[in-house]
Amino acid sequence: MVRLALANDYARAAKLHRRLYPVFKALFIEPNPVPIKAALARAGLIGSAEVRAPLCEMTPPTAVSSKKRSTWLQGGRE
């Protein structure tokens, strides 16, 4: 998205932003880096979603929501 914008291709950058917006919202629904670590662990990109204090694991409803929106990590990249 940044590369597209830097190349003055704002239409494609905006289209990609709109497509990824639900992911952005899901990744920041709880304190960072909890949702992104969970998404990276599900995709096999890191070994564990474990976080250190004072952070805690995601709540079950948030985990379900985050899982639905992070499937792009497993191959839906543009």
Protein backbone atom coordinates (compact mmCIF):
# COMPACT_ATOMS: atom_id res chain seq x y z
CA MET A 1 0.00 0.00 0.00
CA VAL A 2 2.81 2.40 0.88
CA ARG A 3 4.73 1.47 -2.26
CA LEU A 4 1.64 2.15 -4.35
CA ALA A 5 1.12 5.55 -2.71
CA LEU A 6 4.80 6.46 -3.11
CA ALA A 7 4.48 5.55 -6.79
CA ASN A 8 1.50 7.98 -6.99
CA ASP A 9 -0.89 5.10 -7.61
CA TYR A 10 -3.40 6.39 -5.09
CA ALA A 11 -6.37 4.58 -6.58
CA ARG A 12 -4.80 1.14 -6.08
CA ALA A 13 -3.42 2.14 -2.66
CA ALA A 14 -6.90 3.23 -1.56
CA LYS A 15 -8.45 0.03 -2.93
CA LEU A 16 -5.94 -2.08 -1.00
CA HIS A 17 -6.52 0.00 2.14
CA ARG A 18 -10.28 -0.58 1.94
CA ARG A 19 -9.72 -4.31 1.44
CA LEU A 20 -7.41 -4.53 4.47
CA TYR A 21 -9.33 -2.16 6.74
CA PRO A 22 -11.20 -4.97 8.58
CA VAL A 23 -7.82 -6.55 9.33
CA PHE A 24 -6.47 -3.25 10.69
CA LYS A 25 -9.49 -2.91 12.95
CA ALA A 26 -9.16 -6.51 14.19
CA LEU A 27 -5.45 -6.14 14.94
CA PHE A 28 -6.04 -3.15 17.20
CA ILE A 29 -9.16 -4.36 19.00
CA GLU A 30 -7.08 -5.23 22.09
CA PRO A 31 -3.75 -3.90 23.35
CA ASN A 32 -0.93 -4.27 20.89
CA PRO A 33 0.85 -6.69 20.22
CA VAL A 34 -1.60 -9.34 21.41
CA PRO A 35 -3.80 -9.68 18.26
CA ILE A 36 -0.91 -9.44 15.80
CA LYS A 37 1.10 -12.05 17.71
CA ALA A 38 -1.91 -14.38 17.68
CA ALA A 39 -2.36 -13.87 13.92
CA LEU A 40 1.35 -14.46 13.23
CA ALA A 41 1.33 -17.62 15.37
CA ARG A 42 -1.75 -18.97 13.54
CA ALA A 43 0.03 -18.37 10.24
CA GLY A 44 3.10 -20.24 11.49
CA LEU A 45 5.29 -17.15 11.18
CA ILE A 46 6.23 -17.12 14.88
CA GLY A 47 6.41 -19.95 17.37
CA SER A 48 4.08 -18.66 20.06
CA ALA A 49 1.39 -16.06 20.68
CA GLU A 50 2.41 -15.88 24.34
CA VAL A 51 2.75 -12.37 25.75
CA ARG A 52 4.50 -11.09 28.87
CA ALA A 53 2.95 -9.14 31.72
CA PRO A 54 1.32 -6.68 31.89
CA LEU A 55 -0.35 -7.91 28.67
CA CYS A 56 -2.73 -10.85 28.75
CA GLU A 57 -4.15 -13.25 26.18
CA MET A 58 -7.05 -12.14 24.02
CA THR A 59 -10.56 -12.71 25.24
CA PRO A 60 -12.32 -15.62 23.45
CA PRO A 61 -14.74 -13.38 21.45
CA THR A 62 -11.87 -11.20 20.27
CA ALA A 63 -9.81 -14.25 19.34
CA VAL A 64 -12.63 -15.54 17.11
CA SER A 65 -13.05 -12.13 15.46
CA SER A 66 -9.30 -11.74 14.96
CA LYS A 67 -8.98 -15.23 13.49
CA LYS A 68 -11.68 -14.56 10.89
CA ARG A 69 -9.99 -11.35 9.77
CA SER A 70 -6.37 -12.51 9.70
CA THR A 71 -6.61 -15.17 7.01
CA TRP A 72 -4.73 -12.81 4.66
CA LEU A 73 -1.51 -13.79 6.48
CA GLN A 74 -1.81 -17.29 5.07
CA GLY A 75 -1.60 -16.28 1.43
CA GLY A 76 -4.03 -13.49 0.69
CA ARG A 77 -1.32 -10.86 0.38
CA GLU A 78 -1.15 -8.43 -2.51
